[in-house]
Amino acid sequence: MNHQRVLITGSGSGIGATTAKTIAERGGRVAILDLQGDLAEAIATSLGKDRAVAFEGDVRDEALIEKIMDAMTDAWGGIDALVNNVGIYAHGPLLELSMEQWKRVFDVNLMAAISVSCAAVRRMNNGGSIVNVSSVLGEVSAPGRGPYCVSKAALISLTKMQAIEWAERKIRVNAIAPGYILNQASQDLIDAKSFDPRDIERRTPMGRMGTEQEVAEGICFLLDPVKASYLTGHVLSANGGWTAYGFT
């Protein structure tokens, strides 16, 4: 990770923040983008001004993305890597979800990943790496989670398309598909009775939910230009064996 200059979307908290910390601890520099500027600033401050810079705003704002790219170029000379981490959901039965709910989820989970990736690739003059953060629910489906499942599945397809087209630019594009991760976001869903963690633990061969650090380690591996030098178009499933288990 030494000297990599990385933009991470949705990195003021959760997996994005943990990934930012891990990259910085290993010698990389991170641009932290989050809707909640105070969270982004807190993470950047904790990492130090030589390692991190914070930006507040919406990942769908193309002008903001260009501003961030300019700032990274001015401060660090360019960008080497991108982590499309930001994601939202709208849960409910298919017949009850509005088209606006579908559009909002797709705009953030998929369309923003397209636009930010293109902006980054135009600035990557010496190759680079992109990791798209999908989900186990992009590999399989679950009732009541239509927009999230479909958008994350589309993100996996996008990953393969980007990998094919950008290989000639020496840019690798991979995805990571986390399973059920124990963090504040999942705790909020647990509190809302969206799922029972005991069911997940019983269904998972490793018998537990994952951690943010475990996902961050996977992202860092995929970003690494040496360790993952021949990996592109790959989906790294980090789910404790959840998708491998077919017995009920």
Protein backbone atom coordinates (compact mmCIF):
# COMPACT_ATOMS: atom_id res chain seq x y z
CA MET A 1 0.00 0.00 0.00
CA ASN A 2 3.05 2.28 0.25
CA HIS A 3 2.50 5.59 -1.52
CA GLN A 4 -0.85 4.65 -3.09
CA ARG A 5 -3.18 7.63 -3.43
CA VAL A 6 -6.72 6.37 -2.88
CA LEU A 7 -10.19 7.90 -3.03
CA ILE A 8 -12.77 6.07 -0.91
CA THR A 9 -16.42 7.01 -1.22
CA GLY A 10 -18.69 6.76 1.81
CA SER A 11 -15.69 6.55 4.12
CA GLY A 12 -16.74 8.64 7.09
CA SER A 13 -17.81 5.51 8.95
CA GLY A 14 -18.18 1.75 8.63
CA ILE A 15 -16.19 -0.34 6.18
CA GLY A 16 -15.03 2.75 4.29
CA ALA A 17 -13.55 4.38 7.39
CA THR A 18 -11.86 1.15 8.48
CA THR A 19 -10.39 0.74 5.02
CA ALA A 20 -9.11 4.32 5.04
CA LYS A 21 -7.40 3.74 8.37
CA THR A 22 -5.84 0.50 7.17
CA ILE A 23 -4.48 2.06 3.98
CA ALA A 24 -3.04 5.04 5.84
CA GLU A 25 -1.41 2.82 8.46
CA ARG A 26 0.36 0.98 5.64
CA GLY A 27 1.77 4.09 4.03
CA GLY A 28 -0.98 5.08 1.63
CA ARG A 29 -2.78 8.41 1.37
CA VAL A 30 -6.56 8.61 1.35
CA ALA A 31 -9.19 11.07 0.23
CA ILE A 32 -12.25 10.54 2.40
CA LEU A 33 -15.62 11.47 0.91
CA ASP A 34 -18.82 11.32 2.91
CA LEU A 35 -22.20 13.04 3.05
CA GLN A 36 -21.47 13.76 6.69
CA GLY A 37 -18.51 16.07 6.56
CA ASP A 38 -17.93 15.99 10.30
CA LEU A 39 -17.39 12.23 10.19
CA ALA A 40 -15.03 12.50 7.21
CA GLU A 41 -13.07 15.26 8.93
CA ALA A 42 -12.77 13.27 12.15
CA ILE A 43 -11.31 10.28 10.30
CA ALA A 44 -8.91 12.47 8.32
CA THR A 45 -7.77 14.29 11.46
CA SER A 46 -7.12 11.01 13.25
CA LEU A 47 -4.92 9.84 10.37
CA GLY A 48 -2.96 13.09 10.02
CA LYS A 49 -2.90 15.76 7.32
CA ASP A 50 0.00 14.08 5.53
CA ARG A 51 -2.04 10.89 5.13
CA ALA A 52 -5.65 11.97 4.65
CA VAL A 53 -7.90 14.74 3.43
CA ALA A 54 -11.65 15.00 3.97
CA PHE A 55 -14.43 16.04 1.61
CA GLU A 56 -18.12 16.55 2.34
CA GLY A 57 -20.71 15.92 -0.31
CA ASP A 58 -22.82 13.65 -2.46
CA VAL A 59 -21.06 11.00 -4.52
CA ARG A 60 -23.54 11.73 -7.31
CA ASP A 61 -22.16 15.29 -7.68
CA GLU A 62 -19.88 15.04 -10.71
CA ALA A 63 -18.47 18.54 -10.22
CA LEU A 64 -17.49 17.63 -6.65
CA ILE A 65 -15.74 14.48 -7.85
CA GLU A 66 -13.68 16.53 -10.30
CA LYS A 67 -12.85 18.96 -7.50
CA ILE A 68 -11.62 16.06 -5.36
CA MET A 69 -9.51 14.72 -8.22
CA ASP A 70 -7.99 18.18 -8.70
CA ALA A 71 -7.24 18.42 -4.98
CA MET A 72 -5.57 14.99 -4.97
CA THR A 73 -3.46 16.03 -7.97
CA ASP A 74 -2.46 19.31 -6.34
CA ALA A 75 -1.59 17.70 -3.00
CA TRP A 76 -0.23 14.30 -4.02
CA GLY A 77 0.36 14.45 -7.76
CA GLY A 78 -2.56 12.25 -8.82
CA ILE A 79 -4.67 9.22 -8.00
CA ASP A 80 -3.69 5.54 -8.06
CA ALA A 81 -6.75 3.77 -6.71
CA LEU A 82 -10.46 4.07 -6.06
CA VAL A 83 -12.78 2.25 -3.69
CA ASN A 84 -16.45 2.62 -4.65
CA ASN A 85 -17.75 1.89 -1.18
CA VAL A 86 -20.81 4.08 -0.71
CA GLY A 87 -24.14 2.25 -0.70
CA ILE A 88 -27.73 2.71 0.39
CA TYR A 89 -30.85 0.56 0.45
CA ALA A 90 -34.64 0.71 0.30
CA HIS A 91 -36.29 -2.36 1.74
CA GLY A 92 -39.82 -3.53 1.12
CA PRO A 93 -41.95 -5.86 -1.03
CA LEU A 94 -41.50 -5.34 -4.77
CA LEU A 95 -45.13 -4.33 -5.24
CA GLU A 96 -44.83 -1.63 -2.59
CA LEU A 97 -41.56 -0.01 -3.67
CA SER A 98 -41.87 3.19 -5.66
CA MET A 99 -39.86 3.88 -8.80
CA GLU A 100 -38.29 6.79 -6.94
CA GLN A 101 -36.95 4.40 -4.31
CA TRP A 102 -35.48 2.18 -7.03
CA LYS A 103 -33.96 5.17 -8.80
CA ARG A 104 -32.36 6.60 -5.66
CA VAL A 105 -30.69 3.29 -4.77
CA PHE A 106 -29.45 2.77 -8.32
CA ASP A 107 -28.18 6.34 -8.59
CA VAL A 108 -26.00 5.88 -5.51
CA ASN A 109 -25.04 2.20 -5.70
CA LEU A 110 -24.47 1.90 -9.45
CA MET A 111 -24.58 5.14 -11.43
CA ALA A 112 -22.26 6.95 -9.04
CA ALA A 113 -19.79 4.07 -9.26
CA ILE A 114 -19.85 4.44 -13.04
CA SER A 115 -19.25 8.20 -13.02
CA VAL A 116 -16.63 8.22 -10.26
CA SER A 117 -14.75 5.34 -11.87
CA CYS A 118 -14.64 7.11 -15.23
CA ALA A 119 -13.43 10.32 -13.60
CA ALA A 120 -10.69 8.42 -11.77
CA VAL A 121 -9.57 6.40 -14.78
CA ARG A 122 -9.14 9.56 -16.84
CA ARG A 123 -6.61 10.68 -14.19
CA MET A 124 -4.77 7.37 -13.80
CA ASN A 125 -1.77 7.92 -16.04
CA ASN A 126 0.36 5.01 -14.81
CA GLY A 127 -2.17 2.24 -14.35
CA GLY A 128 -4.19 1.80 -11.20
CA SER A 129 -6.73 -0.24 -9.30
CA ILE A 130 -10.43 -0.01 -8.52
CA VAL A 131 -12.40 -2.01 -5.98
CA ASN A 132 -16.19 -1.95 -6.13
CA VAL A 133 -17.83 -2.89 -2.85
CA SER A 134 -20.76 -5.13 -3.75
CA SER A 135 -22.45 -7.54 -1.33
CA VAL A 136 -23.34 -11.16 -0.76
CA LEU A 137 -26.80 -9.92 -1.79
CA GLY A 138 -25.34 -9.06 -5.16
CA GLU A 139 -24.52 -12.76 -5.60
CA VAL A 140 -27.79 -14.14 -4.22
CA SER A 141 -31.15 -12.54 -3.49
CA ALA A 142 -33.28 -12.03 -0.39
CA PRO A 143 -36.96 -11.13 -0.10
CA GLY A 144 -37.78 -7.52 0.61
CA ARG A 145 -34.42 -6.20 -0.56
CA GLY A 146 -35.01 -5.75 -4.26
CA PRO A 147 -33.24 -2.45 -5.07
CA TYR A 148 -30.21 -3.33 -2.97
CA CYS A 149 -29.83 -6.86 -4.39
CA VAL A 150 -30.29 -5.81 -8.00
CA SER A 151 -28.02 -2.77 -7.77
CA LYS A 152 -25.25 -4.77 -6.10
CA ALA A 153 -25.58 -7.51 -8.73
CA ALA A 154 -25.30 -4.84 -11.42
CA LEU A 155 -22.17 -3.55 -9.69
CA ILE A 156 -20.57 -6.98 -10.09
CA SER A 157 -21.43 -6.93 -13.81
CA LEU A 158 -19.99 -3.41 -14.06
CA THR A 159 -16.79 -4.64 -12.41
CA LYS A 160 -16.28 -7.26 -15.11
CA MET A 161 -17.04 -4.75 -17.88
CA GLN A 162 -14.58 -2.23 -16.45
CA ALA A 163 -11.92 -4.92 -16.04
CA ILE A 164 -12.25 -5.93 -19.68
CA GLU A 165 -12.18 -2.43 -21.14
CA TRP A 166 -9.52 -0.89 -18.88
CA ALA A 167 -6.98 -3.72 -18.85
CA GLU A 168 -5.21 -2.07 -21.79
CA ARG A 169 -4.74 0.98 -19.56
CA LYS A 170 -3.09 -1.29 -16.97
CA ILE A 171 -5.98 -0.67 -14.59
CA ARG A 172 -7.26 -3.62 -12.58
CA VAL A 173 -10.89 -3.65 -11.46
CA ASN A 174 -12.21 -6.10 -8.89
CA ALA A 175 -15.14 -6.36 -6.49
CA ILE A 176 -15.54 -7.52 -2.94
CA ALA A 177 -18.83 -9.01 -1.80
CA PRO A 178 -19.06 -8.86 2.00
CA GLY A 179 -21.50 -11.08 3.83
CA TYR A 180 -23.16 -10.06 7.07
CA ILE A 181 -20.79 -7.71 8.88
CA LEU A 182 -21.26 -6.79 12.53
CA ASN A 183 -21.12 -2.99 12.63
CA GLN A 184 -23.38 -0.05 13.34
CA ALA A 185 -25.24 -0.37 10.03
CA SER A 186 -26.10 -4.02 10.62
CA GLN A 187 -26.93 -3.31 14.25
CA ASP A 188 -29.47 -0.73 13.10
CA LEU A 189 -31.11 -3.41 10.92
CA ILE A 190 -31.03 -5.89 13.79
CA ASP A 191 -32.69 -3.32 16.06
CA ALA A 192 -35.34 -2.75 13.39
CA LYS A 193 -36.01 -6.54 13.32
CA SER A 194 -34.86 -6.71 9.70
CA PHE A 195 -33.00 -9.92 10.48
CA ASP A 196 -31.98 -12.05 13.45
CA PRO A 197 -28.19 -12.37 13.84
CA ARG A 198 -28.63 -15.82 15.38
CA ASP A 199 -30.12 -17.04 12.10
CA ILE A 200 -27.11 -15.67 10.21
CA GLU A 201 -24.67 -17.31 12.61
CA ARG A 202 -26.44 -20.67 12.29
CA ARG A 203 -26.44 -20.37 8.50
CA THR A 204 -22.74 -19.40 8.29
CA PRO A 205 -20.19 -22.28 8.39
CA MET A 206 -17.75 -20.11 10.36
CA GLY A 207 -20.52 -19.54 12.91
CA ARG A 208 -20.27 -15.78 13.17
CA MET A 209 -20.70 -12.48 11.37
CA GLY A 210 -17.68 -10.78 9.85
CA THR A 211 -15.82 -7.65 10.92
CA GLU A 212 -15.12 -4.40 9.11
CA GLN A 213 -11.40 -5.09 9.41
CA GLU A 214 -11.77 -8.39 7.59
CA VAL A 215 -13.44 -6.63 4.68
CA ALA A 216 -10.82 -3.86 4.74
CA GLU A 217 -8.08 -6.48 4.51
CA GLY A 218 -9.76 -7.92 1.42
CA ILE A 219 -10.02 -4.49 -0.19
CA CYS A 220 -6.36 -3.75 0.56
CA PHE A 221 -5.34 -7.07 -0.95
CA LEU A 222 -7.24 -6.35 -4.16
CA LEU A 223 -5.72 -2.85 -4.36
CA ASP A 224 -2.17 -4.13 -3.88
CA PRO A 225 -0.26 -3.81 -7.19
CA VAL A 226 2.08 -6.67 -6.28
CA LYS A 227 0.02 -9.20 -4.32
CA ALA A 228 -2.98 -8.93 -6.68
CA SER A 229 -1.09 -8.06 -9.86
CA TYR A 230 -2.83 -10.73 -11.98
CA LEU A 231 -6.31 -10.28 -10.52
CA THR A 232 -8.89 -8.34 -12.48
CA GLY A 233 -12.60 -8.91 -13.03
CA HIS A 234 -12.62 -10.98 -9.85
CA VAL A 235 -15.28 -10.99 -7.11
CA LEU A 236 -13.85 -11.72 -3.67
CA SER A 237 -16.61 -13.25 -1.52
CA ALA A 238 -16.01 -12.48 2.14
CA ASN A 239 -18.92 -14.16 3.89
CA GLY A 240 -17.61 -16.94 6.15
CA GLY A 241 -18.87 -19.61 3.76
CA TRP A 242 -22.46 -18.33 3.71
CA THR A 243 -22.88 -18.71 -0.06
CA ALA A 244 -21.11 -22.10 -0.06
CA TYR A 245 -23.61 -23.62 2.33
CA GLY A 246 -26.56 -25.20 0.53
CA PHE A 247 -28.10 -27.40 3.24
CA THR A 248 -31.20 -26.31 5.14
